[in-house]
């Protein structure tokens, strides 16, 4: 059984709006300027930004369905979906 936080049933949850927010977050990460850091800290910042972009972009490109009262996100792993 997966670990997680139980969320009370919401009167209205807009999955498409959530996916759009992930798309906006991915775009914001991609456009985020580098802070004035150098050396190892710069490498860490860039690496974290790449991970953030990947995470947000993957979720943003998901399709979804409800299966047995579970929200199921289907994330394409091969580019075009």
PDB file of N, CA and C in Angstrom:
ATOM      1  N   UNK A   1       0.843  -1.177   0.000  1.00  0.00           N
ATOM      2  CA  UNK A   1       0.000   0.000   0.000  1.00  0.00           C
ATOM      3  C   UNK A   1       0.892   1.246   0.000  1.00  0.00           C
ATOM      4  N   UNK A   2       0.678   2.185  -0.939  1.00  0.00           N
ATOM      5  CA  UNK A   2       1.543   3.355  -1.008  1.00  0.00           C
ATOM      6  C   UNK A   2       1.382   4.261   0.205  1.00  0.00           C
ATOM      7  N   UNK A   3       2.487   4.893   0.589  1.00  0.00           N
ATOM      8  CA  UNK A   3       2.456   5.884   1.652  1.00  0.00           C
ATOM      9  C   UNK A   3       1.962   7.190   1.066  1.00  0.00           C
ATOM     10  N   UNK A   4       1.288   7.971   1.842  1.00  0.00           N
ATOM     11  CA  UNK A   4       0.840   9.263   1.356  1.00  0.00           C
ATOM     12  C   UNK A   4      -0.030   9.962   2.365  1.00  0.00           C
ATOM     13  N   UNK A   5      -0.359  11.181   2.032  1.00  0.00           N
ATOM     14  CA  UNK A   5      -1.215  11.996   2.875  1.00  0.00           C
ATOM     15  C   UNK A   5      -2.639  11.849   2.369  1.00  0.00           C
ATOM     16  N   UNK A   6      -3.555  11.541   3.248  1.00  0.00           N
ATOM     17  CA  UNK A   6      -4.956  11.444   2.862  1.00  0.00           C
ATOM     18  C   UNK A   6      -5.541  12.846   2.784  1.00  0.00           C
ATOM     19  N   UNK A   7      -6.188  13.140   1.689  1.00  0.00           N
ATOM     20  CA  UNK A   7      -6.794  14.444   1.481  1.00  0.00           C
ATOM     21  C   UNK A   7      -8.304  14.282   1.576  1.00  0.00           C
ATOM     22  N   UNK A   8      -8.974  15.150   2.329  1.00  0.00           N
ATOM     23  CA  UNK A   8     -10.431  15.046   2.400  1.00  0.00           C
ATOM     24  C   UNK A   8     -11.041  15.186   1.006  1.00  0.00           C
ATOM     25  N   UNK A   9     -12.162  14.549   0.798  1.00  0.00           N
ATOM     26  CA  UNK A   9     -12.845  14.622  -0.486  1.00  0.00           C
ATOM     27  C   UNK A   9     -13.180  16.084  -0.765  1.00  0.00           C
ATOM     28  N   UNK A  10     -12.816  16.530  -1.952  1.00  0.00           N
ATOM     29  CA  UNK A  10     -13.057  17.915  -2.331  1.00  0.00           C
ATOM     30  C   UNK A  10     -14.346  18.007  -3.129  1.00  0.00           C
ATOM     31  N   UNK A  11     -15.069  19.096  -2.915  1.00  0.00           N
ATOM     32  CA  UNK A  11     -16.309  19.307  -3.658  1.00  0.00           C
ATOM     33  C   UNK A  11     -16.015  19.423  -5.146  1.00  0.00           C
ATOM     34  N   UNK A  12     -14.906  20.079  -5.502  1.00  0.00           N
ATOM     35  CA  UNK A  12     -14.545  20.234  -6.903  1.00  0.00           C
ATOM     36  C   UNK A  12     -13.035  20.205  -7.024  1.00  0.00           C
ATOM     37  N   UNK A  13     -12.534  19.321  -7.845  1.00  0.00           N
ATOM     38  CA  UNK A  13     -11.098  19.228  -8.107  1.00  0.00           C
ATOM     39  C   UNK A  13     -10.923  19.192  -9.608  1.00  0.00           C
ATOM     40  N   UNK A  14     -10.259  20.188 -10.145  1.00  0.00           N
ATOM     41  CA  UNK A  14     -10.084  20.328 -11.590  1.00  0.00           C
ATOM     42  C   UNK A  14      -8.704  19.782 -11.979  1.00  0.00           C
ATOM     43  N   UNK A  15      -8.672  18.546 -12.446  1.00  0.00           N
ATOM     44  CA  UNK A  15      -7.413  17.889 -12.793  1.00  0.00           C
ATOM     45  C   UNK A  15      -6.727  18.630 -13.933  1.00  0.00           C
ATOM     46  N   UNK A  16      -7.486  19.054 -14.926  1.00  0.00           N
ATOM     47  CA  UNK A  16      -6.876  19.777 -16.048  1.00  0.00           C
ATOM     48  C   UNK A  16      -6.214  21.067 -15.577  1.00  0.00           C
ATOM     49  N   UNK A  17      -6.821  21.761 -14.632  1.00  0.00           N
ATOM     50  CA  UNK A  17      -6.217  22.979 -14.085  1.00  0.00           C
ATOM     51  C   UNK A  17      -4.927  22.642 -13.337  1.00  0.00           C
ATOM     52  N   UNK A  18      -4.921  21.521 -12.610  1.00  0.00           N
ATOM     53  CA  UNK A  18      -3.712  21.102 -11.912  1.00  0.00           C
ATOM     54  C   UNK A  18      -2.588  20.814 -12.911  1.00  0.00           C
ATOM     55  N   UNK A  19      -2.927  20.104 -13.986  1.00  0.00           N
ATOM     56  CA  UNK A  19      -1.910  19.791 -14.992  1.00  0.00           C
ATOM     57  C   UNK A  19      -1.402  21.066 -15.651  1.00  0.00           C
ATOM     58  N   UNK A  20      -2.267  22.040 -15.851  1.00  0.00           N
ATOM     59  CA  UNK A  20      -1.841  23.330 -16.411  1.00  0.00           C
ATOM     60  C   UNK A  20      -0.885  24.043 -15.461  1.00  0.00           C
ATOM     61  N   UNK A  21      -1.136  23.963 -14.155  1.00  0.00           N
ATOM     62  CA  UNK A  21      -0.212  24.571 -13.187  1.00  0.00           C
ATOM     63  C   UNK A  21       1.162  23.913 -13.268  1.00  0.00           C
ATOM     64  N   UNK A  22       1.196  22.602 -13.464  1.00  0.00           N
ATOM     65  CA  UNK A  22       2.486  21.930 -13.618  1.00  0.00           C
ATOM     66  C   UNK A  22       3.190  22.412 -14.878  1.00  0.00           C
ATOM     67  N   UNK A  23       2.431  22.637 -15.942  1.00  0.00           N
ATOM     68  CA  UNK A  23       3.005  23.164 -17.175  1.00  0.00           C
ATOM     69  C   UNK A  23       3.596  24.552 -16.934  1.00  0.00           C
ATOM     70  N   UNK A  24       2.883  25.391 -16.212  1.00  0.00           N
ATOM     71  CA  UNK A  24       3.381  26.731 -15.900  1.00  0.00           C
ATOM     72  C   UNK A  24       4.627  26.667 -15.024  1.00  0.00           C
ATOM     73  N   UNK A  25       4.650  25.724 -14.091  1.00  0.00           N
ATOM     74  CA  UNK A  25       5.840  25.568 -13.238  1.00  0.00           C
ATOM     75  C   UNK A  25       7.049  25.126 -14.056  1.00  0.00           C
ATOM     76  N   UNK A  26       6.839  24.212 -14.988  1.00  0.00           N
ATOM     77  CA  UNK A  26       7.940  23.769 -15.853  1.00  0.00           C
ATOM     78  C   UNK A  26       8.491  24.949 -16.639  1.00  0.00           C
ATOM     79  N   UNK A  27       7.598  25.762 -17.190  1.00  0.00           N
ATOM     80  CA  UNK A  27       8.023  26.943 -17.952  1.00  0.00           C
ATOM     81  C   UNK A  27       8.784  27.923 -17.050  1.00  0.00           C
ATOM     82  N   UNK A  28       8.299  28.127 -15.832  1.00  0.00           N
ATOM     83  CA  UNK A  28       8.968  29.038 -14.901  1.00  0.00           C
ATOM     84  C   UNK A  28      10.365  28.551 -14.546  1.00  0.00           C
ATOM     85  N   UNK A  29      10.515  27.247 -14.356  1.00  0.00           N
ATOM     86  CA  UNK A  29      11.844  26.693 -14.054  1.00  0.00           C
ATOM     87  C   UNK A  29      12.784  26.919 -15.233  1.00  0.00           C
ATOM     88  N   UNK A  30      12.271  26.671 -16.451  1.00  0.00           N
ATOM     89  CA  UNK A  30      13.081  26.819 -17.654  1.00  0.00           C
ATOM     90  C   UNK A  30      13.537  28.274 -17.831  1.00  0.00           C
ATOM     91  N   UNK A  31      12.694  29.228 -17.437  1.00  0.00           N
ATOM     92  CA  UNK A  31      12.995  30.649 -17.633  1.00  0.00           C
ATOM     93  C   UNK A  31      13.668  31.293 -16.421  1.00  0.00           C
ATOM     94  N   UNK A  32      13.813  30.542 -15.328  1.00  0.00           N
ATOM     95  CA  UNK A  32      14.394  31.080 -14.094  1.00  0.00           C
ATOM     96  C   UNK A  32      15.862  31.461 -14.326  1.00  0.00           C
ATOM     97  N   UNK A  33      16.235  32.688 -13.956  1.00  0.00           N
ATOM     98  CA  UNK A  33      17.634  33.083 -14.136  1.00  0.00           C
ATOM     99  C   UNK A  33      18.547  32.410 -13.109  1.00  0.00           C
ATOM    100  N   UNK A  34      19.791  32.260 -13.484  1.00  0.00           N
ATOM    101  CA  UNK A  34      20.766  31.689 -12.560  1.00  0.00           C
ATOM    102  C   UNK A  34      21.122  32.721 -11.499  1.00  0.00           C
ATOM    103  N   UNK A  35      21.179  32.301 -10.251  1.00  0.00           N
ATOM    104  CA  UNK A  35      21.615  33.231  -9.204  1.00  0.00           C
ATOM    105  C   UNK A  35      23.127  33.449  -9.328  1.00  0.00           C
ATOM    106  N   UNK A  36      23.632  34.473  -8.685  1.00  0.00           N
ATOM    107  CA  UNK A  36      25.075  34.746  -8.768  1.00  0.00           C
ATOM    108  C   UNK A  36      25.896  33.770  -7.925  1.00  0.00           C
ATOM    109  N   UNK A  37      25.958  32.525  -8.388  1.00  0.00           N
ATOM    110  CA  UNK A  37      26.763  31.506  -7.721  1.00  0.00           C
ATOM    111  C   UNK A  37      27.745  30.931  -8.727  1.00  0.00           C
ATOM    112  N   UNK A  38      28.813  30.341  -8.204  1.00  0.00           N
ATOM    113  CA  UNK A  38      29.833  29.784  -9.089  1.00  0.00           C
ATOM    114  C   UNK A  38      30.267  28.425  -8.569  1.00  0.00           C
ATOM    115  N   UNK A  39      31.020  27.746  -9.399  1.00  0.00           N
ATOM    116  CA  UNK A  39      31.610  26.477  -9.007  1.00  0.00           C
ATOM    117  C   UNK A  39      30.595  25.400  -8.715  1.00  0.00           C
ATOM    118  N   UNK A  40      30.815  24.694  -7.608  1.00  0.00           N
ATOM    119  CA  UNK A  40      29.988  23.548  -7.236  1.00  0.00           C
ATOM    120  C   UNK A  40      28.541  23.955  -6.955  1.00  0.00           C
ATOM    121  N   UNK A  41      28.338  25.099  -6.331  1.00  0.00           N
ATOM    122  CA  UNK A  41      26.972  25.566  -6.044  1.00  0.00           C
ATOM    123  C   UNK A  41      26.204  25.824  -7.335  1.00  0.00           C
ATOM    124  N   UNK A  42      26.883  26.353  -8.340  1.00  0.00           N
ATOM    125  CA  UNK A  42      26.237  26.592  -9.636  1.00  0.00           C
ATOM    126  C   UNK A  42      25.814  25.265 -10.268  1.00  0.00           C
ATOM    127  N   UNK A  43      26.699  24.263 -10.213  1.00  0.00           N
ATOM    128  CA  UNK A  43      26.375  22.942 -10.755  1.00  0.00           C
ATOM    129  C   UNK A  43      25.168  22.337 -10.035  1.00  0.00           C
ATOM    130  N   UNK A  44      25.121  22.475  -8.713  1.00  0.00           N
ATOM    131  CA  UNK A  44      23.996  21.956  -7.935  1.00  0.00           C
ATOM    132  C   UNK A  44      22.699  22.661  -8.324  1.00  0.00           C
ATOM    133  N   UNK A  45      22.751  23.981  -8.496  1.00  0.00           N
ATOM    134  CA  UNK A  45      21.558  24.743  -8.869  1.00  0.00           C
ATOM    135  C   UNK A  45      21.048  24.296 -10.234  1.00  0.00           C
ATOM    136  N   UNK A  46      21.960  24.166 -11.190  1.00  0.00           N
ATOM    137  CA  UNK A  46      21.571  23.752 -12.541  1.00  0.00           C
ATOM    138  C   UNK A  46      20.992  22.342 -12.529  1.00  0.00           C
ATOM    139  N   UNK A  47      21.610  21.443 -11.798  1.00  0.00           N
ATOM    140  CA  UNK A  47      21.121  20.073 -11.699  1.00  0.00           C
ATOM    141  C   UNK A  47      19.714  20.034 -11.096  1.00  0.00           C
ATOM    142  N   UNK A  48      19.503  20.809 -10.030  1.00  0.00           N
ATOM    143  CA  UNK A  48      18.182  20.846  -9.399  1.00  0.00           C
ATOM    144  C   UNK A  48      17.147  21.435 -10.351  1.00  0.00           C
ATOM    145  N   UNK A  49      17.510  22.474 -11.103  1.00  0.00           N
ATOM    146  CA  UNK A  49      16.586  23.077 -12.064  1.00  0.00           C
ATOM    147  C   UNK A  49      16.212  22.075 -13.156  1.00  0.00           C
ATOM    148  N   UNK A  50      17.181  21.289 -13.607  1.00  0.00           N
ATOM    149  CA  UNK A  50      16.890  20.273 -14.627  1.00  0.00           C
ATOM    150  C   UNK A  50      15.933  19.210 -14.079  1.00  0.00           C
ATOM    151  N   UNK A  51      16.160  18.778 -12.836  1.00  0.00           N
ATOM    152  CA  UNK A  51      15.263  17.798 -12.211  1.00  0.00           C
ATOM    153  C   UNK A  51      13.864  18.378 -12.037  1.00  0.00           C
ATOM    154  N   UNK A  52      13.789  19.634 -11.571  1.00  0.00           N
ATOM    155  CA  UNK A  52      12.484  20.284 -11.386  1.00  0.00           C
ATOM    156  C   UNK A  52      11.738  20.361 -12.709  1.00  0.00           C
ATOM    157  N   UNK A  53      12.431  20.785 -13.766  1.00  0.00           N
ATOM    158  CA  UNK A  53      11.784  20.906 -15.073  1.00  0.00           C
ATOM    159  C   UNK A  53      11.257  19.545 -15.526  1.00  0.00           C
ATOM    160  N   UNK A  54      12.077  18.511 -15.406  1.00  0.00           N
ATOM    161  CA  UNK A  54      11.667  17.176 -15.824  1.00  0.00           C
ATOM    162  C   UNK A  54      10.430  16.719 -15.060  1.00  0.00           C
ATOM    163  N   UNK A  55      10.451  16.882 -13.741  1.00  0.00           N
ATOM    164  CA  UNK A  55       9.309  16.466 -12.917  1.00  0.00           C
ATOM    165  C   UNK A  55       8.035  17.201 -13.319  1.00  0.00           C
ATOM    166  N   UNK A  56       8.112  18.518 -13.415  1.00  0.00           N
ATOM    167  CA  UNK A  56       6.930  19.313 -13.744  1.00  0.00           C
ATOM    168  C   UNK A  56       6.443  19.009 -15.162  1.00  0.00           C
ATOM    169  N   UNK A  57       7.369  18.872 -16.112  1.00  0.00           N
ATOM    170  CA  UNK A  57       6.982  18.614 -17.497  1.00  0.00           C
ATOM    171  C   UNK A  57       6.336  17.235 -17.649  1.00  0.00           C
ATOM    172  N   UNK A  58       6.855  16.237 -16.948  1.00  0.00           N
ATOM    173  CA  UNK A  58       6.260  14.902 -17.015  1.00  0.00           C
ATOM    174  C   UNK A  58       4.808  14.923 -16.548  1.00  0.00           C
ATOM    175  N   UNK A  59       4.558  15.542 -15.409  1.00  0.00           N
ATOM    176  CA  UNK A  59       3.193  15.592 -14.890  1.00  0.00           C
ATOM    177  C   UNK A  59       2.313  16.450 -15.798  1.00  0.00           C
ATOM    178  N   UNK A  60       2.844  17.562 -16.291  1.00  0.00           N
ATOM    179  CA  UNK A  60       2.069  18.453 -17.158  1.00  0.00           C
ATOM    180  C   UNK A  60       1.599  17.750 -18.428  1.00  0.00           C
ATOM    181  N   UNK A  61       2.358  16.773 -18.915  1.00  0.00           N
ATOM    182  CA  UNK A  61       2.016  16.068 -20.151  1.00  0.00           C
ATOM    183  C   UNK A  61       1.187  14.806 -19.920  1.00  0.00           C
ATOM    184  N   UNK A  62       0.790  14.583 -18.693  1.00  0.00           N
ATOM    185  CA  UNK A  62       0.016  13.381 -18.365  1.00  0.00           C
ATOM    186  C   UNK A  62      -1.422  13.496 -18.860  1.00  0.00           C
ATOM    187  N   UNK A  63      -1.992  12.346 -19.158  1.00  0.00           N
ATOM    188  CA  UNK A  63      -3.436  12.251 -19.327  1.00  0.00           C
ATOM    189  C   UNK A  63      -3.947  11.627 -18.032  1.00  0.00           C
ATOM    190  N   UNK A  64      -5.251  11.690 -17.828  1.00  0.00           N
ATOM    191  CA  UNK A  64      -5.757  11.194 -16.550  1.00  0.00           C
ATOM    192  C   UNK A  64      -7.081  10.490 -16.712  1.00  0.00           C
ATOM    193  N   UNK A  65      -7.378   9.705 -15.696  1.00  0.00           N
ATOM    194  CA  UNK A  65      -8.676   9.035 -15.611  1.00  0.00           C
ATOM    195  C   UNK A  65      -8.944   8.714 -14.151  1.00  0.00           C
ATOM    196  N   UNK A  66     -10.190   8.461 -13.852  1.00  0.00           N
ATOM    197  CA  UNK A  66     -10.575   8.014 -12.511  1.00  0.00           C
ATOM    198  C   UNK A  66     -10.798   6.509 -12.607  1.00  0.00           C
ATOM    199  N   UNK A  67     -10.117   5.760 -11.741  1.00  0.00           N
ATOM    200  CA  UNK A  67     -10.226   4.308 -11.723  1.00  0.00           C
ATOM    201  C   UNK A  67     -10.476   3.868 -10.287  1.00  0.00           C
ATOM    202  N   UNK A  68     -11.668   3.361 -10.040  1.00  0.00           N
ATOM    203  CA  UNK A  68     -12.016   2.846  -8.713  1.00  0.00           C
ATOM    204  C   UNK A  68     -11.726   3.885  -7.622  1.00  0.00           C
ATOM    205  N   UNK A  69     -12.166   5.114  -7.852  1.00  0.00           N
ATOM    206  CA  UNK A  69     -12.006   6.230  -6.925  1.00  0.00           C
ATOM    207  C   UNK A  69     -10.563   6.701  -6.759  1.00  0.00           C
ATOM    208  N   UNK A  70      -9.698   6.353  -7.703  1.00  0.00           N
ATOM    209  CA  UNK A  70      -8.319   6.828  -7.696  1.00  0.00           C
ATOM    210  C   UNK A  70      -8.086   7.688  -8.926  1.00  0.00           C
ATOM    211  N   UNK A  71      -7.395   8.797  -8.743  1.00  0.00           N
ATOM    212  CA  UNK A  71      -6.948   9.595  -9.875  1.00  0.00           C
ATOM    213  C   UNK A  71      -5.699   8.924 -10.423  1.00  0.00           C
ATOM    214  N   UNK A  72      -5.744   8.536 -11.698  1.00  0.00           N
ATOM    215  CA  UNK A  72      -4.618   7.853 -12.322  1.00  0.00           C
ATOM    216  C   UNK A  72      -4.042   8.773 -13.385  1.00  0.00           C
ATOM    217  N   UNK A  73      -2.781   9.146 -13.224  1.00  0.00           N
ATOM    218  CA  UNK A  73      -2.085   9.938 -14.228  1.00  0.00           C
ATOM    219  C   UNK A  73      -1.295   8.995 -15.116  1.00  0.00           C
ATOM    220  N   UNK A  74      -1.456   9.148 -16.409  1.00  0.00           N
ATOM    221  CA  UNK A  74      -0.700   8.349 -17.375  1.00  0.00           C
ATOM    222  C   UNK A  74       0.316   9.263 -18.021  1.00  0.00           C
ATOM    223  N   UNK A  75       1.587   8.981 -17.747  1.00  0.00           N
ATOM    224  CA  UNK A  75       2.677   9.832 -18.200  1.00  0.00           C
ATOM    225  C   UNK A  75       3.385   9.167 -19.364  1.00  0.00           C
ATOM    226  N   UNK A  76       3.384   9.827 -20.532  1.00  0.00           N
ATOM    227  CA  UNK A  76       4.082   9.226 -21.681  1.00  0.00           C
ATOM    228  C   UNK A  76       5.595   9.256 -21.451  1.00  0.00           C
ATOM    229  N   UNK A  77       6.227   8.133 -21.680  1.00  0.00           N
ATOM    230  CA  UNK A  77       7.675   8.026 -21.467  1.00  0.00           C
ATOM    231  C   UNK A  77       8.469   8.083 -22.773  1.00  0.00           C
ATOM    232  N   UNK A  78       7.780   8.092 -23.890  1.00  0.00           N
ATOM    233  CA  UNK A  78       8.450   8.066 -25.203  1.00  0.00           C
ATOM    234  C   UNK A  78       8.079   9.284 -26.043  1.00  0.00           C
ATOM    235  N   UNK A  79       8.313  10.466 -25.548  1.00  0.00           N
ATOM    236  CA  UNK A  79       8.083  11.670 -26.332  1.00  0.00           C
ATOM    237  C   UNK A  79       6.643  11.961 -26.690  1.00  0.00           C
ATOM    238  N   UNK A  80       6.154  11.410 -27.785  1.00  0.00           N
ATOM    239  CA  UNK A  80       4.853  11.768 -28.320  1.00  0.00           C
ATOM    240  C   UNK A  80       3.646  11.188 -27.622  1.00  0.00           C
ATOM    241  N   UNK A  81       3.795  10.292 -26.684  1.00  0.00           N
ATOM    242  CA  UNK A  81       2.665   9.790 -25.919  1.00  0.00           C
ATOM    243  C   UNK A  81       1.922   8.675 -26.476  1.00  0.00           C
TER     244      UNK A  81
END
